[in-house]
Amino acid sequence: MILSAIVLFVLAATFGLTLVVLGVRYHRGSLALGLGHASIAVSALTVLMVHIFRAHTVFLYNDAALLFFLALAGGVVLLALRDGGRPPPMIVVGLHGSMALVALFLLVLGYAHS
């Protein structure tokens, strides 16, 4: 179950990286790609939470889940800051992405040690 959450989070990170490239290089965003990124990430977080609540888990999974929730809150802020087709401020994007990548690293680290 954790492996499927990891795969979904990596897919969401790939979509997120594509959004960053669109924002930095072309100075535009994509609502459809952003919603796809968000829905995959929420699905992965749901899978992670189901695993945490159903099974005895590694503490790193709990830490990763907390960071993913904080990244989700940052994603909601990014959605609120969206202005037409223009990308949101890159500092907020960087914080959102950094939090999510640290959480993904913790999740992979917990999976490797379990």
Protein backbone atom coordinates (compact mmCIF):
# COMPACT_ATOMS: atom_id res chain seq x y z
CA MET A 1 0.00 0.00 0.00
CA ILE A 2 2.87 2.38 0.79
CA LEU A 3 4.49 1.55 -2.52
CA SER A 4 1.35 2.64 -4.39
CA ALA A 5 1.31 5.88 -2.38
CA ILE A 6 4.95 6.48 -3.30
CA VAL A 7 4.24 5.88 -6.99
CA LEU A 8 1.27 8.26 -6.90
CA PHE A 9 3.31 10.93 -5.10
CA VAL A 10 6.10 10.60 -7.68
CA LEU A 11 3.52 11.01 -10.45
CA ALA A 12 2.13 14.09 -8.68
CA ALA A 13 5.67 15.46 -8.33
CA THR A 14 6.22 14.97 -12.06
CA PHE A 15 3.05 16.94 -12.81
CA GLY A 16 4.18 19.59 -10.34
CA LEU A 17 7.59 19.86 -11.97
CA THR A 18 5.87 20.29 -15.33
CA LEU A 19 3.82 23.12 -13.83
CA VAL A 20 7.00 24.78 -12.53
CA VAL A 21 8.62 24.57 -15.97
CA LEU A 22 5.50 26.12 -17.53
CA GLY A 23 5.55 28.90 -14.96
CA VAL A 24 9.24 29.71 -15.12
CA ARG A 25 9.91 29.19 -18.78
CA TYR A 26 6.67 30.27 -20.42
CA HIS A 27 5.18 32.48 -17.66
CA ARG A 28 1.86 30.71 -17.77
CA GLY A 29 0.05 28.00 -15.87
CA SER A 30 -2.31 25.19 -16.75
CA LEU A 31 -5.46 24.77 -14.69
CA ALA A 32 -6.09 21.26 -16.06
CA LEU A 33 -2.56 20.12 -15.24
CA GLY A 34 -2.79 21.75 -11.82
CA LEU A 35 -6.05 19.99 -11.04
CA GLY A 36 -4.57 16.70 -12.22
CA HIS A 37 -1.55 17.29 -9.96
CA ALA A 38 -3.83 18.05 -7.02
CA SER A 39 -6.15 15.09 -7.55
CA ILE A 40 -3.27 12.61 -7.84
CA ALA A 41 -1.64 14.04 -4.71
CA VAL A 42 -4.89 13.89 -2.73
CA SER A 43 -5.39 10.29 -3.89
CA ALA A 44 -1.87 9.40 -2.76
CA LEU A 45 -2.42 11.11 0.59
CA THR A 46 -5.66 9.16 1.01
CA VAL A 47 -3.85 5.88 0.36
CA LEU A 48 -1.17 6.87 2.86
CA MET A 49 -3.72 7.81 5.52
CA VAL A 50 -5.64 4.56 5.05
CA HIS A 51 -2.41 2.65 5.55
CA ILE A 52 -1.51 4.66 8.64
CA PHE A 53 -4.89 4.10 10.25
CA ARG A 54 -5.16 0.40 9.35
CA ALA A 55 -1.69 -0.95 10.02
CA HIS A 56 1.15 -0.64 12.46
CA THR A 57 3.30 1.96 10.78
CA VAL A 58 6.75 3.42 10.90
CA PHE A 59 6.88 6.85 12.56
CA LEU A 60 8.40 8.30 9.40
CA TYR A 61 5.05 7.66 7.66
CA ASN A 62 3.33 9.89 10.22
CA ASP A 63 5.92 12.63 9.73
CA ALA A 64 5.55 12.35 5.96
CA ALA A 65 1.76 12.54 6.23
CA LEU A 66 2.01 15.70 8.34
CA LEU A 67 4.33 17.34 5.82
CA PHE A 68 2.08 16.26 2.95
CA PHE A 69 -0.88 17.89 4.72
CA LEU A 70 1.13 21.09 5.10
CA ALA A 71 2.05 20.91 1.41
CA LEU A 72 -1.64 20.39 0.64
CA ALA A 73 -2.45 23.58 2.57
CA GLY A 74 0.24 25.35 0.55
CA GLY A 75 -1.33 24.02 -2.63
CA VAL A 76 -4.68 25.48 -1.61
CA VAL A 77 -2.93 28.83 -1.07
CA LEU A 78 -1.37 28.51 -4.53
CA LEU A 79 -4.79 27.87 -6.02
CA ALA A 80 -6.16 30.93 -4.23
CA LEU A 81 -3.27 33.08 -5.52
CA ARG A 82 -3.91 32.00 -9.09
CA ASP A 83 -4.52 35.04 -11.29
CA GLY A 84 -5.94 34.12 -14.67
CA GLY A 85 -3.41 32.15 -16.69
CA ARG A 86 -0.40 33.54 -14.86
CA PRO A 87 1.55 31.35 -12.46
CA PRO A 88 1.56 32.06 -8.70
CA PRO A 89 4.63 33.53 -6.95
CA MET A 90 7.54 31.13 -7.33
CA ILE A 91 8.62 31.49 -3.69
CA VAL A 92 5.32 29.95 -2.59
CA VAL A 93 5.68 27.28 -5.26
CA GLY A 94 9.18 26.54 -3.98
CA LEU A 95 8.00 26.18 -0.38
CA HIS A 96 5.12 23.93 -1.45
CA GLY A 97 7.38 21.73 -3.56
CA SER A 98 10.16 21.56 -0.98
CA MET A 99 7.77 20.44 1.73
CA ALA A 100 6.31 17.78 -0.53
CA LEU A 101 9.74 16.51 -1.62
CA VAL A 102 10.97 16.25 1.98
CA ALA A 103 7.78 14.35 2.82
CA LEU A 104 8.34 12.03 -0.14
CA PHE A 105 11.93 11.45 0.99
CA LEU A 106 10.69 10.55 4.51
CA LEU A 107 8.11 8.20 3.03
CA VAL A 108 10.69 6.42 0.88
CA LEU A 109 13.12 6.28 3.80
CA GLY A 110 10.44 4.74 6.02
CA TYR A 111 9.57 2.22 3.31
CA ALA A 112 13.22 1.27 2.85
CA HIS A 113 13.68 0.66 6.59
CA SER A 114 10.49 -1.31 7.18
